[in-house]
C-alpha cells in the first residue's frame, strides 16, 4: 500500500471538523492497518491544532469587540411616553 501524500491545510474550520470526524469514525471502526492508523492519527492532531487555533482567534476577537465596542443598551428616549414623540 502506497503512502498518501501529505494533506493540505483545511479550507475552513468546518472542513477541518468534518475531516476530523471522518478520521475518528475510521479509527473507531478499527479497520485501518497500522501505518494508515498512524497517518490518520497524525492528521487528526494537525486538524485538532488548527481547530483550536481558529477557536482561540475567534475568542480573542470577541473579547476585543466586547471590550471596545459593546456597551450596555440604554434606550435613547426613556421618557415613558410610549415612543410616540409627538406632544
N, C-alpha and C. Protein backbone atom coordinates (compact mmCIF):
# COMPACT_ATOMS: atom_id res chain seq x y z
N UNK A 1 0.86 -1.18 0.00
CA UNK A 1 0.00 0.00 0.00
C UNK A 1 0.90 1.23 0.00
N UNK A 2 0.63 2.18 -0.89
CA UNK A 2 1.44 3.39 -1.02
C UNK A 2 1.07 4.39 0.06
N UNK A 3 2.07 5.18 0.47
CA UNK A 3 1.82 6.23 1.46
C UNK A 3 1.02 7.34 0.81
N UNK A 4 -0.01 7.87 1.51
CA UNK A 4 -0.74 9.01 0.97
C UNK A 4 0.12 10.26 1.04
N UNK A 5 -0.10 11.15 0.09
CA UNK A 5 0.62 12.43 0.09
C UNK A 5 0.15 13.25 1.28
N UNK A 6 1.03 14.13 1.81
CA UNK A 6 0.61 14.98 2.92
C UNK A 6 -0.62 15.81 2.53
N UNK A 7 -1.58 15.86 3.44
CA UNK A 7 -2.81 16.59 3.17
C UNK A 7 -2.57 18.09 3.30
N UNK A 8 -3.31 18.82 2.51
CA UNK A 8 -3.22 20.28 2.53
C UNK A 8 -3.93 20.83 3.75
N UNK A 9 -3.69 22.10 4.00
CA UNK A 9 -4.38 22.78 5.11
C UNK A 9 -5.88 22.79 4.81
N UNK A 10 -6.69 22.69 5.85
CA UNK A 10 -8.14 22.71 5.63
C UNK A 10 -8.60 24.04 5.05
N UNK A 11 -9.66 23.98 4.27
CA UNK A 11 -10.21 25.18 3.64
C UNK A 11 -10.91 26.08 4.66
N UNK A 12 -11.43 25.47 5.72
CA UNK A 12 -12.17 26.24 6.73
C UNK A 12 -12.23 25.44 8.01
N UNK A 13 -12.71 26.09 9.05
CA UNK A 13 -12.91 25.42 10.34
C UNK A 13 -13.87 24.25 10.17
N UNK A 14 -14.96 24.49 9.44
CA UNK A 14 -15.97 23.46 9.24
C UNK A 14 -15.41 22.28 8.47
N UNK A 15 -14.58 22.55 7.45
CA UNK A 15 -13.97 21.47 6.68
C UNK A 15 -13.03 20.65 7.56
N UNK A 16 -12.28 21.32 8.43
CA UNK A 16 -11.37 20.63 9.34
C UNK A 16 -12.15 19.75 10.29
N UNK A 17 -13.25 20.26 10.81
CA UNK A 17 -14.08 19.49 11.74
C UNK A 17 -14.67 18.26 11.05
N UNK A 18 -15.16 18.44 9.82
CA UNK A 18 -15.71 17.31 9.07
C UNK A 18 -14.66 16.23 8.83
N UNK A 19 -13.46 16.66 8.42
CA UNK A 19 -12.38 15.69 8.18
C UNK A 19 -11.98 14.99 9.47
N UNK A 20 -11.93 15.73 10.55
CA UNK A 20 -11.58 15.15 11.84
C UNK A 20 -12.61 14.10 12.26
N UNK A 21 -13.89 14.39 12.07
CA UNK A 21 -14.94 13.43 12.40
C UNK A 21 -14.83 12.17 11.56
N UNK A 22 -14.47 12.32 10.28
CA UNK A 22 -14.29 11.18 9.40
C UNK A 22 -13.13 10.31 9.88
N UNK A 23 -12.05 10.96 10.28
CA UNK A 23 -10.88 10.23 10.79
C UNK A 23 -11.24 9.46 12.06
N UNK A 24 -11.96 10.10 12.96
CA UNK A 24 -12.34 9.46 14.22
C UNK A 24 -13.21 8.23 13.95
N UNK A 25 -14.18 8.37 13.04
CA UNK A 25 -15.04 7.22 12.72
C UNK A 25 -14.23 6.07 12.14
N UNK A 26 -13.31 6.38 11.24
CA UNK A 26 -12.49 5.33 10.62
C UNK A 26 -11.61 4.64 11.65
N UNK A 27 -11.04 5.41 12.56
CA UNK A 27 -10.17 4.82 13.57
C UNK A 27 -10.97 4.00 14.58
N UNK A 28 -12.16 4.48 14.93
CA UNK A 28 -13.00 3.75 15.87
C UNK A 28 -13.47 2.43 15.28
N UNK A 29 -13.62 2.38 13.96
CA UNK A 29 -14.06 1.15 13.30
C UNK A 29 -12.99 0.06 13.40
N UNK A 30 -11.73 0.48 13.59
CA UNK A 30 -10.66 -0.48 13.77
C UNK A 30 -10.28 -1.26 12.53
N UNK A 31 -10.60 -0.75 11.37
CA UNK A 31 -10.34 -1.47 10.13
C UNK A 31 -9.07 -1.00 9.41
N UNK A 32 -8.40 0.02 9.94
CA UNK A 32 -7.23 0.57 9.27
C UNK A 32 -5.98 -0.22 9.64
N UNK A 33 -5.09 -0.45 8.67
CA UNK A 33 -3.80 -1.04 9.01
C UNK A 33 -2.99 -0.07 9.87
N UNK A 34 -1.97 -0.57 10.53
CA UNK A 34 -1.19 0.23 11.46
C UNK A 34 -0.66 1.50 10.83
N UNK A 35 -0.06 1.41 9.65
CA UNK A 35 0.53 2.59 9.02
C UNK A 35 -0.54 3.65 8.71
N UNK A 36 -1.69 3.21 8.24
CA UNK A 36 -2.78 4.14 7.96
C UNK A 36 -3.33 4.74 9.25
N UNK A 37 -3.37 3.95 10.31
CA UNK A 37 -3.83 4.46 11.60
C UNK A 37 -2.91 5.55 12.12
N UNK A 38 -1.60 5.32 12.00
CA UNK A 38 -0.65 6.33 12.44
C UNK A 38 -0.75 7.60 11.62
N UNK A 39 -0.91 7.47 10.31
CA UNK A 39 -1.05 8.64 9.45
C UNK A 39 -2.34 9.38 9.78
N UNK A 40 -3.41 8.64 10.03
CA UNK A 40 -4.68 9.26 10.39
C UNK A 40 -4.58 9.98 11.73
N UNK A 41 -3.90 9.36 12.67
CA UNK A 41 -3.71 9.98 13.98
C UNK A 41 -2.93 11.28 13.84
N UNK A 42 -1.87 11.25 13.05
CA UNK A 42 -1.06 12.45 12.83
C UNK A 42 -1.89 13.55 12.17
N UNK A 43 -2.68 13.19 11.17
CA UNK A 43 -3.54 14.17 10.51
C UNK A 43 -4.57 14.72 11.49
N UNK A 44 -5.11 13.86 12.32
CA UNK A 44 -6.09 14.29 13.31
C UNK A 44 -5.51 15.30 14.28
N UNK A 45 -4.27 15.08 14.71
CA UNK A 45 -3.61 16.03 15.61
C UNK A 45 -3.44 17.38 14.92
N UNK A 46 -3.05 17.35 13.65
CA UNK A 46 -2.89 18.59 12.88
C UNK A 46 -4.22 19.33 12.77
N UNK A 47 -5.29 18.59 12.47
CA UNK A 47 -6.61 19.21 12.35
C UNK A 47 -7.09 19.76 13.69
N UNK A 48 -6.85 19.00 14.75
CA UNK A 48 -7.25 19.44 16.08
C UNK A 48 -6.54 20.74 16.45
N UNK A 49 -5.26 20.82 16.16
CA UNK A 49 -4.49 22.03 16.44
C UNK A 49 -5.04 23.21 15.63
N UNK A 50 -5.35 22.98 14.36
CA UNK A 50 -5.92 24.03 13.51
C UNK A 50 -7.25 24.52 14.09
N UNK A 51 -8.11 23.59 14.48
CA UNK A 51 -9.42 23.97 15.04
C UNK A 51 -9.24 24.76 16.33
N UNK A 52 -8.34 24.32 17.19
CA UNK A 52 -8.12 25.01 18.46
C UNK A 52 -7.60 26.42 18.22
N UNK A 53 -6.66 26.57 17.29
CA UNK A 53 -6.11 27.89 16.99
C UNK A 53 -7.19 28.80 16.40
N UNK A 54 -8.05 28.24 15.56
CA UNK A 54 -9.14 29.02 14.97
C UNK A 54 -10.12 29.48 16.04
N UNK A 55 -10.47 28.58 16.96
CA UNK A 55 -11.37 28.95 18.06
C UNK A 55 -10.74 29.98 18.98
N UNK A 56 -9.44 29.83 19.28
CA UNK A 56 -8.75 30.80 20.12
C UNK A 56 -8.76 32.18 19.48
N UNK A 57 -8.51 32.23 18.17
CA UNK A 57 -8.52 33.52 17.46
C UNK A 57 -9.90 34.14 17.49
N UNK A 58 -10.93 33.34 17.32
CA UNK A 58 -12.30 33.85 17.36
C UNK A 58 -12.64 34.38 18.76
N UNK A 59 -12.20 33.67 19.79
CA UNK A 59 -12.44 34.11 21.16
C UNK A 59 -11.74 35.44 21.44
N UNK A 60 -10.51 35.58 20.98
CA UNK A 60 -9.78 36.84 21.17
C UNK A 60 -10.49 37.98 20.45
N UNK A 61 -10.99 37.72 19.27
CA UNK A 61 -11.70 38.74 18.50
C UNK A 61 -12.97 39.16 19.24
N UNK A 62 -13.70 38.19 19.79
CA UNK A 62 -14.91 38.51 20.55
C UNK A 62 -14.59 39.34 21.79
N UNK A 63 -13.51 39.00 22.47
CA UNK A 63 -13.12 39.76 23.65
C UNK A 63 -12.78 41.20 23.27
N UNK A 64 -12.09 41.38 22.15
CA UNK A 64 -11.79 42.74 21.70
C UNK A 64 -13.07 43.51 21.39
N UNK A 65 -13.99 42.86 20.72
CA UNK A 65 -15.27 43.52 20.41
C UNK A 65 -16.02 43.89 21.68
N UNK A 66 -16.06 42.98 22.63
CA UNK A 66 -16.76 43.26 23.89
C UNK A 66 -16.11 44.41 24.65
N UNK A 67 -14.80 44.46 24.65
CA UNK A 67 -14.09 45.49 25.40
C UNK A 67 -14.14 46.86 24.73
N UNK A 68 -14.18 46.90 23.42
CA UNK A 68 -14.07 48.16 22.71
C UNK A 68 -15.35 48.67 22.09
N UNK A 69 -16.31 47.80 21.85
CA UNK A 69 -17.49 48.22 21.10
C UNK A 69 -18.78 48.02 21.88
N UNK A 70 -18.95 46.84 22.44
CA UNK A 70 -20.23 46.52 23.06
C UNK A 70 -20.39 47.25 24.39
N UNK A 71 -21.56 47.83 24.57
CA UNK A 71 -21.88 48.53 25.80
C UNK A 71 -23.29 48.09 26.23
N UNK A 72 -23.63 48.36 27.47
CA UNK A 72 -24.99 48.08 27.91
C UNK A 72 -25.96 48.92 27.12
N UNK A 73 -27.06 48.32 26.74
CA UNK A 73 -28.06 49.03 25.95
C UNK A 73 -28.85 49.98 26.84
N UNK A 74 -28.90 51.24 26.44
CA UNK A 74 -29.71 52.24 27.12
C UNK A 74 -30.55 52.95 26.06
N UNK A 75 -31.86 52.75 26.08
CA UNK A 75 -32.71 53.40 25.07
C UNK A 75 -32.50 54.91 25.06
N UNK A 76 -32.49 55.49 23.88
CA UNK A 76 -32.26 56.93 23.72
C UNK A 76 -33.39 57.76 24.32
N UNK A 77 -34.63 57.29 24.14
CA UNK A 77 -35.79 58.03 24.65
C UNK A 77 -36.46 57.22 25.74
N UNK A 78 -36.06 57.43 26.97
CA UNK A 78 -36.62 56.70 28.09
C UNK A 78 -37.59 57.58 28.86
N UNK A 79 -38.43 58.32 28.15
CA UNK A 79 -39.32 59.27 28.80
C UNK A 79 -40.65 58.65 29.21
N UNK A 80 -40.95 57.43 28.75
CA UNK A 80 -42.19 56.78 29.15
C UNK A 80 -43.41 57.29 28.40
N UNK A 81 -43.23 57.97 27.27
CA UNK A 81 -44.37 58.49 26.51
C UNK A 81 -44.85 57.49 25.48
N UNK A 82 -44.39 56.25 25.55
CA UNK A 82 -44.84 55.25 24.63
C UNK A 82 -44.14 55.34 23.30
N UNK A 83 -43.16 56.23 23.18
CA UNK A 83 -42.39 56.34 21.97
C UNK A 83 -43.07 57.07 20.85
N UNK A 84 -44.18 57.79 21.13
CA UNK A 84 -44.90 58.47 20.05
C UNK A 84 -44.11 59.69 19.57
N UNK A 85 -43.44 60.39 20.46
CA UNK A 85 -42.62 61.52 20.06
C UNK A 85 -43.40 62.75 19.69
N UNK A 86 -44.72 62.72 19.68
CA UNK A 86 -45.48 63.93 19.32
C UNK A 86 -46.31 64.36 20.50
N UNK A 87 -46.06 65.54 21.04
CA UNK A 87 -46.79 66.11 22.16
C UNK A 87 -47.26 67.47 21.85
